[in-house]
Amino acid sequence: MDHVDFLLVGGGLASATAAETLRLEGARGRIAIVAAEDALPYHRPPLATRLLRADEAPPPVPGPDFYAEHEVAVLRAARVLAVDPQRQVAATDRAGQIHYGKLLLATGANRRC
């Protein structure tokens, strides 16, 4: 993969929802999600404040069929190592360089103990 119109970095709900919204809003072109994990986007455990409101159901995550049906490439077990916004290029550890039109950085966070 050397060029995409929309590059979504991060394998969580934000990237999955962004891909879904792009397609529902009529976006044309190539969409790719780069996910460090070797899994399709899924719900992460809720934050502590979210646990207090257990009556709220989490928003749905697009299922595996969504990505194939809507031509969204998911590069699993891949990391973006560097982004050059001037040249609109992201360097990855497994897919080489990816030129992009639009970029979403949605990598989330890790908890610290």
PDB file of N, CA and C in Angstrom:
ATOM      1  N   MET A   1       0.854  -1.171   0.000  1.00  0.00           N
ATOM      2  CA  MET A   1       0.000   0.000   0.000  1.00  0.00           C
ATOM      3  C   MET A   1       0.895   1.226   0.000  1.00  0.00           C
ATOM      4  N   ASP A   2       0.811   2.039  -1.011  1.00  0.00           N
ATOM      5  CA  ASP A   2       1.689   3.197  -1.054  1.00  0.00           C
ATOM      6  C   ASP A   2       0.943   4.523  -0.985  1.00  0.00           C
ATOM      7  N   HIS A   3      -0.378   4.544  -1.244  1.00  0.00           N
ATOM      8  CA  HIS A   3      -1.143   5.788  -1.137  1.00  0.00           C
ATOM      9  C   HIS A   3      -2.572   5.489  -0.702  1.00  0.00           C
ATOM     10  N   VAL A   4      -3.049   6.296   0.241  1.00  0.00           N
ATOM     11  CA  VAL A   4      -4.444   6.226   0.662  1.00  0.00           C
ATOM     12  C   VAL A   4      -4.974   7.650   0.755  1.00  0.00           C
ATOM     13  N   ASP A   5      -6.263   7.773   0.616  1.00  0.00           N
ATOM     14  CA  ASP A   5      -6.874   9.091   0.748  1.00  0.00           C
ATOM     15  C   ASP A   5      -7.044   9.473   2.219  1.00  0.00           C
ATOM     16  N   PHE A   6      -7.354   8.462   3.057  1.00  0.00           N
ATOM     17  CA  PHE A   6      -7.559   8.679   4.493  1.00  0.00           C
ATOM     18  C   PHE A   6      -6.750   7.643   5.261  1.00  0.00           C
ATOM     19  N   LEU A   7      -5.806   8.109   6.078  1.00  0.00           N
ATOM     20  CA  LEU A   7      -5.006   7.223   6.904  1.00  0.00           C
ATOM     21  C   LEU A   7      -5.419   7.433   8.352  1.00  0.00           C
ATOM     22  N   LEU A   8      -5.896   6.366   8.982  1.00  0.00           N
ATOM     23  CA  LEU A   8      -6.362   6.417  10.364  1.00  0.00           C
ATOM     24  C   LEU A   8      -5.385   5.612  11.212  1.00  0.00           C
ATOM     25  N   VAL A   9      -4.669   6.276  12.094  1.00  0.00           N
ATOM     26  CA  VAL A   9      -3.636   5.629  12.895  1.00  0.00           C
ATOM     27  C   VAL A   9      -4.197   5.332  14.279  1.00  0.00           C
ATOM     28  N   GLY A  10      -4.269   4.056  14.607  1.00  0.00           N
ATOM     29  CA  GLY A  10      -4.806   3.604  15.884  1.00  0.00           C
ATOM     30  C   GLY A  10      -5.881   2.565  15.633  1.00  0.00           C
ATOM     31  N   GLY A  11      -5.871   1.516  16.421  1.00  0.00           N
ATOM     32  CA  GLY A  11      -6.803   0.414  16.192  1.00  0.00           C
ATOM     33  C   GLY A  11      -7.985   0.383  17.134  1.00  0.00           C
ATOM     34  N   GLY A  12      -8.386   1.525  17.634  1.00  0.00           N
ATOM     35  CA  GLY A  12      -9.489   1.564  18.585  1.00  0.00           C
ATOM     36  C   GLY A  12     -10.794   2.056  17.984  1.00  0.00           C
ATOM     37  N   LEU A  13     -11.696   2.370  18.876  1.00  0.00           N
ATOM     38  CA  LEU A  13     -13.033   2.810  18.491  1.00  0.00           C
ATOM     39  C   LEU A  13     -13.009   4.086  17.660  1.00  0.00           C
ATOM     40  N   ALA A  14     -12.096   5.003  17.950  1.00  0.00           N
ATOM     41  CA  ALA A  14     -12.047   6.271  17.216  1.00  0.00           C
ATOM     42  C   ALA A  14     -11.768   6.044  15.730  1.00  0.00           C
ATOM     43  N   SER A  15     -10.799   5.212  15.406  1.00  0.00           N
ATOM     44  CA  SER A  15     -10.485   4.942  13.995  1.00  0.00           C
ATOM     45  C   SER A  15     -11.611   4.177  13.317  1.00  0.00           C
ATOM     46  N   ALA A  16     -12.179   3.199  14.015  1.00  0.00           N
ATOM     47  CA  ALA A  16     -13.283   2.421  13.448  1.00  0.00           C
ATOM     48  C   ALA A  16     -14.483   3.314  13.167  1.00  0.00           C
ATOM     49  N   THR A  17     -14.798   4.187  14.102  1.00  0.00           N
ATOM     50  CA  THR A  17     -15.928   5.103  13.922  1.00  0.00           C
ATOM     51  C   THR A  17     -15.641   6.109  12.818  1.00  0.00           C
ATOM     52  N   ALA A  18     -14.403   6.570  12.735  1.00  0.00           N
ATOM     53  CA  ALA A  18     -14.037   7.508  11.674  1.00  0.00           C
ATOM     54  C   ALA A  18     -14.200   6.861  10.302  1.00  0.00           C
ATOM     55  N   ALA A  19     -13.741   5.622  10.155  1.00  0.00           N
ATOM     56  CA  ALA A  19     -13.886   4.916   8.874  1.00  0.00           C
ATOM     57  C   ALA A  19     -15.365   4.743   8.527  1.00  0.00           C
ATOM     58  N   GLU A  20     -16.145   4.339   9.517  1.00  0.00           N
ATOM     59  CA  GLU A  20     -17.574   4.142   9.289  1.00  0.00           C
ATOM     60  C   GLU A  20     -18.250   5.454   8.899  1.00  0.00           C
ATOM     61  N   THR A  21     -17.926   6.529   9.593  1.00  0.00           N
ATOM     62  CA  THR A  21     -18.525   7.838   9.307  1.00  0.00           C
ATOM     63  C   THR A  21     -18.122   8.332   7.925  1.00  0.00           C
ATOM     64  N   LEU A  22     -16.860   8.153   7.573  1.00  0.00           N
ATOM     65  CA  LEU A  22     -16.417   8.571   6.241  1.00  0.00           C
ATOM     66  C   LEU A  22     -17.260   7.902   5.158  1.00  0.00           C
ATOM     67  N   ARG A  23     -17.436   6.598   5.269  1.00  0.00           N
ATOM     68  CA  ARG A  23     -18.218   5.875   4.257  1.00  0.00           C
ATOM     69  C   ARG A  23     -19.696   6.260   4.297  1.00  0.00           C
ATOM     70  N   LEU A  24     -20.268   6.413   5.490  1.00  0.00           N
ATOM     71  CA  LEU A  24     -21.682   6.786   5.596  1.00  0.00           C
ATOM     72  C   LEU A  24     -21.937   8.187   5.056  1.00  0.00           C
ATOM     73  N   GLU A  25     -20.926   9.047   5.161  1.00  0.00           N
ATOM     74  CA  GLU A  25     -21.059  10.413   4.650  1.00  0.00           C
ATOM     75  C   GLU A  25     -20.688  10.517   3.169  1.00  0.00           C
ATOM     76  N   GLY A  26     -20.362   9.383   2.549  1.00  0.00           N
ATOM     77  CA  GLY A  26     -20.117   9.368   1.109  1.00  0.00           C
ATOM     78  C   GLY A  26     -18.684   9.566   0.673  1.00  0.00           C
ATOM     79  N   ALA A  27     -17.734   9.458   1.592  1.00  0.00           N
ATOM     80  CA  ALA A  27     -16.329   9.628   1.216  1.00  0.00           C
ATOM     81  C   ALA A  27     -15.916   8.536   0.236  1.00  0.00           C
ATOM     82  N   ARG A  28     -15.260   8.943  -0.802  1.00  0.00           N
ATOM     83  CA  ARG A  28     -14.732   8.014  -1.792  1.00  0.00           C
ATOM     84  C   ARG A  28     -13.221   7.950  -1.611  1.00  0.00           C
ATOM     85  N   GLY A  29     -12.612   6.937  -2.160  1.00  0.00           N
ATOM     86  CA  GLY A  29     -11.168   6.823  -2.067  1.00  0.00           C
ATOM     87  C   GLY A  29     -10.762   5.729  -1.102  1.00  0.00           C
ATOM     88  N   ARG A  30      -9.467   5.569  -0.978  1.00  0.00           N
ATOM     89  CA  ARG A  30      -8.912   4.497  -0.146  1.00  0.00           C
ATOM     90  C   ARG A  30      -8.807   4.940   1.306  1.00  0.00           C
ATOM     91  N   ILE A  31      -9.267   4.067   2.189  1.00  0.00           N
ATOM     92  CA  ILE A  31      -9.166   4.287   3.631  1.00  0.00           C
ATOM     93  C   ILE A  31      -8.339   3.146   4.204  1.00  0.00           C
ATOM     94  N   ALA A  32      -7.384   3.497   5.077  1.00  0.00           N
ATOM     95  CA  ALA A  32      -6.589   2.472   5.755  1.00  0.00           C
ATOM     96  C   ALA A  32      -6.489   2.804   7.235  1.00  0.00           C
ATOM     97  N   ILE A  33      -6.616   1.765   8.048  1.00  0.00           N
ATOM     98  CA  ILE A  33      -6.403   1.864   9.490  1.00  0.00           C
ATOM     99  C   ILE A  33      -5.106   1.118   9.792  1.00  0.00           C
ATOM    100  N   VAL A  34      -4.198   1.772  10.514  1.00  0.00           N
ATOM    101  CA  VAL A  34      -2.970   1.121  10.967  1.00  0.00           C
ATOM    102  C   VAL A  34      -3.130   0.853  12.456  1.00  0.00           C
ATOM    103  N   ALA A  35      -3.138  -0.423  12.820  1.00  0.00           N
ATOM    104  CA  ALA A  35      -3.373  -0.835  14.207  1.00  0.00           C
ATOM    105  C   ALA A  35      -2.180  -1.611  14.740  1.00  0.00           C
ATOM    106  N   ALA A  36      -1.674  -1.228  15.887  1.00  0.00           N
ATOM    107  CA  ALA A  36      -0.529  -1.926  16.480  1.00  0.00           C
ATOM    108  C   ALA A  36      -0.898  -3.339  16.918  1.00  0.00           C
ATOM    109  N   GLU A  37      -2.148  -3.539  17.295  1.00  0.00           N
ATOM    110  CA  GLU A  37      -2.575  -4.864  17.738  1.00  0.00           C
ATOM    111  C   GLU A  37      -2.921  -5.739  16.552  1.00  0.00           C
ATOM    112  N   ASP A  38      -2.867  -7.037  16.768  1.00  0.00           N
ATOM    113  CA  ASP A  38      -3.185  -7.989  15.705  1.00  0.00           C
ATOM    114  C   ASP A  38      -4.667  -8.381  15.759  1.00  0.00           C
ATOM    115  N   ALA A  39      -5.519  -7.372  15.904  1.00  0.00           N
ATOM    116  CA  ALA A  39      -6.960  -7.603  15.981  1.00  0.00           C
ATOM    117  C   ALA A  39      -7.665  -6.431  15.321  1.00  0.00           C
ATOM    118  N   LEU A  40      -8.888  -6.666  14.885  1.00  0.00           N
ATOM    119  CA  LEU A  40      -9.692  -5.570  14.369  1.00  0.00           C
ATOM    120  C   LEU A  40     -10.059  -4.648  15.526  1.00  0.00           C
ATOM    121  N   PRO A  41     -10.416  -3.392  15.230  1.00  0.00           N
ATOM    122  CA  PRO A  41     -10.805  -2.490  16.317  1.00  0.00           C
ATOM    123  C   PRO A  41     -11.903  -3.090  17.195  1.00  0.00           C
ATOM    124  N   TYR A  42     -11.782  -2.859  18.497  1.00  0.00           N
ATOM    125  CA  TYR A  42     -12.739  -3.377  19.471  1.00  0.00           C
ATOM    126  C   TYR A  42     -12.824  -2.403  20.638  1.00  0.00           C
ATOM    127  N   HIS A  43     -13.807  -2.617  21.524  1.00  0.00           N
ATOM    128  CA  HIS A  43     -13.950  -1.770  22.706  1.00  0.00           C
ATOM    129  C   HIS A  43     -12.863  -2.087  23.711  1.00  0.00           C
ATOM    130  N   ARG A  44     -12.204  -1.051  24.183  1.00  0.00           N
ATOM    131  CA  ARG A  44     -11.251  -1.213  25.273  1.00  0.00           C
ATOM    132  C   ARG A  44     -12.046  -1.155  26.571  1.00  0.00           C
ATOM    133  N   PRO A  45     -11.495  -1.617  27.682  1.00  0.00           N
ATOM    134  CA  PRO A  45     -12.209  -1.505  28.964  1.00  0.00           C
ATOM    135  C   PRO A  45     -12.530  -0.036  29.262  1.00  0.00           C
ATOM    136  N   PRO A  46     -13.701   0.232  29.826  1.00  0.00           N
ATOM    137  CA  PRO A  46     -14.078   1.617  30.111  1.00  0.00           C
ATOM    138  C   PRO A  46     -13.228   2.218  31.229  1.00  0.00           C
ATOM    139  N   LEU A  47     -13.148   3.532  31.216  1.00  0.00           N
ATOM    140  CA  LEU A  47     -12.442   4.229  32.283  1.00  0.00           C
ATOM    141  C   LEU A  47     -13.246   4.129  33.576  1.00  0.00           C
ATOM    142  N   ALA A  48     -12.605   4.421  34.689  1.00  0.00           N
ATOM    143  CA  ALA A  48     -13.256   4.293  35.991  1.00  0.00           C
ATOM    144  C   ALA A  48     -14.554   5.089  36.060  1.00  0.00           C
ATOM    145  N   THR A  49     -14.582   6.303  35.530  1.00  0.00           N
ATOM    146  CA  THR A  49     -15.814   7.098  35.580  1.00  0.00           C
ATOM    147  C   THR A  49     -16.915   6.457  34.767  1.00  0.00           C
ATOM    148  N   ARG A  50     -16.540   5.770  33.727  1.00  0.00           N
ATOM    149  CA  ARG A  50     -17.518   5.086  32.884  1.00  0.00           C
ATOM    150  C   ARG A  50     -18.099   3.864  33.606  1.00  0.00           C
ATOM    151  N   LEU A  51     -17.283   3.233  34.448  1.00  0.00           N
ATOM    152  CA  LEU A  51     -17.764   2.086  35.214  1.00  0.00           C
ATOM    153  C   LEU A  51     -18.884   2.483  36.167  1.00  0.00           C
ATOM    154  N   LEU A  52     -18.847   3.717  36.636  1.00  0.00           N
ATOM    155  CA  LEU A  52     -19.871   4.192  37.555  1.00  0.00           C
ATOM    156  C   LEU A  52     -21.228   4.350  36.870  1.00  0.00           C
ATOM    157  N   ARG A  53     -21.213   4.506  35.568  1.00  0.00           N
ATOM    158  CA  ARG A  53     -22.450   4.656  34.798  1.00  0.00           C
ATOM    159  C   ARG A  53     -22.665   3.404  33.951  1.00  0.00           C
ATOM    160  N   ALA A  54     -22.783   2.287  34.575  1.00  0.00           N
ATOM    161  CA  ALA A  54     -22.885   0.998  33.885  1.00  0.00           C
ATOM    162  C   ALA A  54     -24.167   0.863  33.074  1.00  0.00           C
ATOM    163  N   ASP A  55     -25.135   1.760  33.288  1.00  0.00           N
ATOM    164  CA  ASP A  55     -26.386   1.665  32.544  1.00  0.00           C
ATOM    165  C   ASP A  55     -26.228   2.135  31.098  1.00  0.00           C
ATOM    166  N   GLU A  56     -25.118   2.779  30.776  1.00  0.00           N
ATOM    167  CA  GLU A  56     -24.873   3.243  29.413  1.00  0.00           C
ATOM    168  C   GLU A  56     -24.190   2.144  28.601  1.00  0.00           C
ATOM    169  N   ALA A  57     -24.814   1.770  27.503  1.00  0.00           N
ATOM    170  CA  ALA A  57     -24.198   0.762  26.626  1.00  0.00           C
ATOM    171  C   ALA A  57     -23.135   1.438  25.768  1.00  0.00           C
ATOM    172  N   PRO A  58     -22.007   0.769  25.537  1.00  0.00           N
ATOM    173  CA  PRO A  58     -20.984   1.368  24.681  1.00  0.00           C
ATOM    174  C   PRO A  58     -21.479   1.421  23.235  1.00  0.00           C
ATOM    175  N   PRO A  59     -20.980   2.399  22.465  1.00  0.00           N
ATOM    176  CA  PRO A  59     -21.381   2.469  21.065  1.00  0.00           C
ATOM    177  C   PRO A  59     -20.904   1.225  20.315  1.00  0.00           C
ATOM    178  N   PRO A  60     -21.626   0.813  19.292  1.00  0.00           N
ATOM    179  CA  PRO A  60     -21.214  -0.394  18.562  1.00  0.00           C
ATOM    180  C   PRO A  60     -19.930  -0.161  17.766  1.00  0.00           C
ATOM    181  N   VAL A  61     -19.165  -1.208  17.617  1.00  0.00           N
ATOM    182  CA  VAL A  61     -17.953  -1.181  16.800  1.00  0.00           C
ATOM    183  C   VAL A  61     -18.280  -1.912  15.502  1.00  0.00           C
ATOM    184  N   PRO A  62     -17.885  -1.356  14.348  1.00  0.00           N
ATOM    185  CA  PRO A  62     -18.147  -2.075  13.102  1.00  0.00           C
ATOM    186  C   PRO A  62     -17.555  -3.483  13.143  1.00  0.00           C
ATOM    187  N   GLY A  63     -18.308  -4.452  12.661  1.00  0.00           N
ATOM    188  CA  GLY A  63     -17.865  -5.838  12.637  1.00  0.00           C
ATOM    189  C   GLY A  63     -16.915  -6.113  11.485  1.00  0.00           C
ATOM    190  N   PRO A  64     -16.348  -7.304  11.434  1.00  0.00           N
ATOM    191  CA  PRO A  64     -15.365  -7.660  10.403  1.00  0.00           C
ATOM    192  C   PRO A  64     -15.880  -7.482   8.974  1.00  0.00           C
ATOM    193  N   ASP A  65     -17.159  -7.746   8.745  1.00  0.00           N
ATOM    194  CA  ASP A  65     -17.708  -7.611   7.398  1.00  0.00           C
ATOM    195  C   ASP A  65     -17.701  -6.171   6.909  1.00  0.00           C
ATOM    196  N   PHE A  66     -17.809  -5.227   7.839  1.00  0.00           N
ATOM    197  CA  PHE A  66     -17.843  -3.818   7.459  1.00  0.00           C
ATOM    198  C   PHE A  66     -16.611  -3.434   6.651  1.00  0.00           C
ATOM    199  N   TYR A  67     -15.430  -3.835   7.110  1.00  0.00           N
ATOM    200  CA  TYR A  67     -14.185  -3.410   6.475  1.00  0.00           C
ATOM    201  C   TYR A  67     -14.080  -3.923   5.041  1.00  0.00           C
ATOM    202  N   ALA A  68     -14.471  -5.156   4.810  1.00  0.00           N
ATOM    203  CA  ALA A  68     -14.436  -5.714   3.454  1.00  0.00           C
ATOM    204  C   ALA A  68     -15.494  -5.066   2.570  1.00  0.00           C
ATOM    205  N   GLU A  69     -16.698  -4.941   3.085  1.00  0.00           N
ATOM    206  CA  GLU A  69     -17.807  -4.385   2.288  1.00  0.00           C
ATOM    207  C   GLU A  69     -17.577  -2.926   1.911  1.00  0.00           C
ATOM    208  N   HIS A  70     -16.886  -2.180   2.763  1.00  0.00           N
ATOM    209  CA  HIS A  70     -16.689  -0.750   2.527  1.00  0.00           C
ATOM    210  C   HIS A  70     -15.272  -0.403   2.106  1.00  0.00           C
ATOM    211  N   GLU A  71     -14.511  -1.431   1.747  1.00  0.00           N
ATOM    212  CA  GLU A  71     -13.157  -1.246   1.235  1.00  0.00           C
ATOM    213  C   GLU A  71     -12.289  -0.405   2.170  1.00  0.00           C
ATOM    214  N   VAL A  72     -12.236  -0.838   3.422  1.00  0.00           N
ATOM    215  CA  VAL A  72     -11.363  -0.214   4.417  1.00  0.00           C
ATOM    216  C   VAL A  72     -10.275  -1.234   4.732  1.00  0.00           C
ATOM    217  N   ALA A  73      -9.039  -0.880   4.410  1.00  0.00           N
ATOM    218  CA  ALA A  73      -7.910  -1.773   4.696  1.00  0.00           C
ATOM    219  C   ALA A  73      -7.511  -1.610   6.157  1.00  0.00           C
ATOM    220  N   VAL A  74      -7.316  -2.728   6.847  1.00  0.00           N
ATOM    221  CA  VAL A  74      -6.846  -2.690   8.235  1.00  0.00           C
ATOM    222  C   VAL A  74      -5.486  -3.373   8.270  1.00  0.00           C
ATOM    223  N   LEU A  75      -4.455  -2.585   8.522  1.00  0.00           N
ATOM    224  CA  LEU A  75      -3.094  -3.109   8.626  1.00  0.00           C
ATOM    225  C   LEU A  75      -2.866  -3.445  10.096  1.00  0.00           C
ATOM    226  N   ARG A  76      -2.988  -4.724  10.420  1.00  0.00           N
ATOM    227  CA  ARG A  76      -2.864  -5.159  11.808  1.00  0.00           C
ATOM    228  C   ARG A  76      -1.422  -5.474  12.159  1.00  0.00           C
ATOM    229  N   ALA A  77      -1.111  -5.370  13.450  1.00  0.00           N
ATOM    230  CA  ALA A  77       0.245  -5.614  13.967  1.00  0.00           C
ATOM    231  C   ALA A  77       1.271  -4.743  13.239  1.00  0.00           C
ATOM    232  N   ALA A  78       0.884  -3.506  12.967  1.00  0.00           N
ATOM    233  CA  ALA A  78       1.774  -2.551  12.293  1.00  0.00           C
ATOM    234  C   ALA A  78       1.787  -1.256  13.091  1.00  0.00           C
ATOM    235  N   ARG A  79       2.918  -0.598  13.087  1.00  0.00           N
ATOM    236  CA  ARG A  79       3.052   0.664  13.823  1.00  0.00           C
ATOM    237  C   ARG A  79       3.520   1.769  12.895  1.00  0.00           C
ATOM    238  N   VAL A  80       3.004   2.950  13.131  1.00  0.00           N
ATOM    239  CA  VAL A  80       3.512   4.132  12.446  1.00  0.00           C
ATOM    240  C   VAL A  80       4.693   4.627  13.261  1.00  0.00           C
ATOM    241  N   LEU A  81       5.840   4.724  12.621  1.00  0.00           N
ATOM    242  CA  LEU A  81       7.069   5.111  13.300  1.00  0.00           C
ATOM    243  C   LEU A  81       7.329   6.611  13.233  1.00  0.00           C
ATOM    244  N   ALA A  82       6.895   7.232  12.138  1.00  0.00           N
ATOM    245  CA  ALA A  82       7.114   8.667  11.949  1.00  0.00           C
ATOM    246  C   ALA A  82       6.098   9.192  10.942  1.00  0.00           C
ATOM    247  N   VAL A  83       5.769  10.470  11.106  1.00  0.00           N
ATOM    248  CA  VAL A  83       4.862  11.143  10.177  1.00  0.00           C
ATOM    249  C   VAL A  83       5.539  12.411   9.689  1.00  0.00           C
ATOM    250  N   ASP A  84       5.539  12.613   8.398  1.00  0.00           N
ATOM    251  CA  ASP A  84       6.056  13.842   7.806  1.00  0.00           C
ATOM    252  C   ASP A  84       4.860  14.595   7.235  1.00  0.00           C
ATOM    253  N   PRO A  85       4.305  15.559   7.986  1.00  0.00           N
ATOM    254  CA  PRO A  85       3.107  16.252   7.511  1.00  0.00           C
ATOM    255  C   PRO A  85       3.345  17.131   6.283  1.00  0.00           C
ATOM    256  N   GLN A  86       4.568  17.596   6.091  1.00  0.00           N
ATOM    257  CA  GLN A  86       4.873  18.409   4.907  1.00  0.00           C
ATOM    258  C   GLN A  86       4.724  17.585   3.631  1.00  0.00           C
ATOM    259  N   ARG A  87       5.272  16.377   3.661  1.00  0.00           N
ATOM    260  CA  ARG A  87       5.215  15.491   2.490  1.00  0.00           C
ATOM    261  C   ARG A  87       3.984  14.593   2.508  1.00  0.00           C
ATOM    262  N   GLN A  88       3.236  14.590   3.616  1.00  0.00           N
ATOM    263  CA  GLN A  88       2.062  13.748   3.812  1.00  0.00           C
ATOM    264  C   GLN A  88       2.421  12.268   3.631  1.00  0.00           C
ATOM    265  N   VAL A  89       3.426  11.853   4.428  1.00  0.00           N
ATOM    266  CA  VAL A  89       3.921  10.487   4.390  1.00  0.00           C
ATOM    267  C   VAL A  89       4.028   9.961   5.817  1.00  0.00           C
ATOM    268  N   ALA A  90       3.588   8.733   6.008  1.00  0.00           N
ATOM    269  CA  ALA A  90       3.762   8.045   7.288  1.00  0.00           C
ATOM    270  C   ALA A  90       4.662   6.840   7.049  1.00  0.00           C
ATOM    271  N   ALA A  91       5.687   6.692   7.869  1.00  0.00           N
ATOM    272  CA  ALA A  91       6.587   5.542   7.782  1.00  0.00           C
ATOM    273  C   ALA A  91       6.096   4.491   8.763  1.00  0.00           C
ATOM    274  N   THR A  92       5.950   3.253   8.297  1.00  0.00           N
ATOM    275  CA  THR A  92       5.490   2.166   9.159  1.00  0.00           C
ATOM    276  C   THR A  92       6.570   1.103   9.278  1.00  0.00           C
ATOM    277  N   ASP A  93       6.406   0.248  10.275  1.00  0.00           N
ATOM    278  CA  ASP A  93       7.391  -0.815  10.469  1.00  0.00           C
ATOM    279  C   ASP A  93       7.132  -2.025   9.576  1.00  0.00           C
ATOM    280  N   ARG A  94       5.914  -2.172   9.033  1.00  0.00           N
ATOM    281  CA  ARG A  94       5.595  -3.364   8.249  1.00  0.00           C
ATOM    282  C   ARG A  94       5.111  -3.082   6.833  1.00  0.00           C
ATOM    283  N   ALA A  95       4.645  -1.876   6.580  1.00  0.00           N
ATOM    284  CA  ALA A  95       4.064  -1.577   5.266  1.00  0.00           C
ATOM    285  C   ALA A  95       4.825  -0.504   4.515  1.00  0.00           C
ATOM    286  N   GLY A  96       6.015  -0.189   4.964  1.00  0.00           N
ATOM    287  CA  GLY A  96       6.797   0.840   4.289  1.00  0.00           C
ATOM    288  C   GLY A  96       6.204   2.217   4.489  1.00  0.00           C
ATOM    289  N   GLN A  97       6.385   3.065   3.492  1.00  0.00           N
ATOM    290  CA  GLN A  97       5.848   4.415   3.564  1.00  0.00           C
ATOM    291  C   GLN A  97       4.452   4.451   2.951  1.00  0.00           C
ATOM    292  N   ILE A  98       3.579   5.195   3.604  1.00  0.00           N
ATOM    293  CA  ILE A  98       2.221   5.372   3.093  1.00  0.00           C
ATOM    294  C   ILE A  98       1.988   6.857   2.898  1.00  0.00           C
ATOM    295  N   HIS A  99       1.711   7.240   1.667  1.00  0.00           N
ATOM    296  CA  HIS A  99       1.341   8.622   1.360  1.00  0.00           C
ATOM    297  C   HIS A  99      -0.153   8.757   1.630  1.00  0.00           C
ATOM    298  N   TYR A 100      -0.549   9.861   2.216  1.00  0.00           N
ATOM    299  CA  TYR A 100      -1.947  10.040   2.580  1.00  0.00           C
ATOM    300  C   TYR A 100      -2.452  11.411   2.160  1.00  0.00           C
ATOM    301  N   GLY A 101      -3.759  11.500   1.985  1.00  0.00           N
ATOM    302  CA  GLY A 101      -4.412  12.779   1.722  1.00  0.00           C
ATOM    303  C   GLY A 101      -4.816  13.449   3.020  1.00  0.00           C
ATOM    304  N   LYS A 102      -5.478  12.689   3.895  1.00  0.00           N
ATOM    305  CA  LYS A 102      -5.912  13.169   5.215  1.00  0.00           C
ATOM    306  C   LYS A 102      -5.428  12.169   6.262  1.00  0.00           C
ATOM    307  N   LEU A 103      -5.100  12.666   7.451  1.00  0.00           N
ATOM    308  CA  LEU A 103      -4.554  11.824   8.508  1.00  0.00           C
ATOM    309  C   LEU A 103      -5.324  12.041   9.797  1.00  0.00           C
ATOM    310  N   LEU A 104      -5.664  10.943  10.473  1.00  0.00           N
ATOM    311  CA  LEU A 104      -6.249  10.987  11.811  1.00  0.00           C
ATOM    312  C   LEU A 104      -5.326  10.215  12.735  1.00  0.00           C
ATOM    313  N   LEU A 105      -4.814  10.877  13.779  1.00  0.00           N
ATOM    314  CA  LEU A 105      -4.012  10.212  14.797  1.00  0.00           C
ATOM    315  C   LEU A 105      -4.922   9.937  15.980  1.00  0.00           C
ATOM    316  N   ALA A 106      -5.232   8.668  16.180  1.00  0.00           N
ATOM    317  CA  ALA A 106      -6.155   8.257  17.254  1.00  0.00           C
ATOM    318  C   ALA A 106      -5.552   7.062  17.983  1.00  0.00           C
ATOM    319  N   THR A 107      -4.360   7.273  18.527  1.00  0.00           N
ATOM    320  CA  THR A 107      -3.620   6.161  19.124  1.00  0.00           C
ATOM    321  C   THR A 107      -4.040   5.843  20.540  1.00  0.00           C
ATOM    322  N   GLY A 108      -4.824   6.687  21.178  1.00  0.00           N
ATOM    323  CA  GLY A 108      -5.264   6.398  22.531  1.00  0.00           C
ATOM    324  C   GLY A 108      -4.144   6.614  23.538  1.00  0.00           C
ATOM    325  N   ALA A 109      -4.266   5.934  24.661  1.00  0.00           N
ATOM    326  CA  ALA A 109      -3.288   6.084  25.731  1.00  0.00           C
ATOM    327  C   ALA A 109      -3.125   4.768  26.468  1.00  0.00           C
ATOM    328  N   ASN A 110      -2.048   4.632  27.165  1.00  0.00           N
ATOM    329  CA  ASN A 110      -1.809   3.482  28.035  1.00  0.00           C
ATOM    330  C   ASN A 110      -1.846   3.968  29.474  1.00  0.00           C
ATOM    331  N   ARG A 111      -2.392   3.141  30.344  1.00  0.00           N
ATOM    332  CA  ARG A 111      -2.427   3.537  31.752  1.00  0.00           C
ATOM    333  C   ARG A 111      -1.042   3.328  32.357  1.00  0.00           C
ATOM    334  N   ARG A 112      -0.745   4.135  33.350  1.00  0.00           N
ATOM    335  CA  ARG A 112       0.523   4.015  34.063  1.00  0.00           C
ATOM    336  C   ARG A 112       0.223   3.592  35.488  1.00  0.00           C
ATOM    337  N   CYS A 113       1.007   2.681  35.985  1.00  0.00           N
ATOM    338  CA  CYS A 113       0.832   2.225  37.373  1.00  0.00           C
ATOM    339  C   CYS A 113       1.843   2.865  38.275  1.00  0.00           C
TER     340      CYS A 113
END
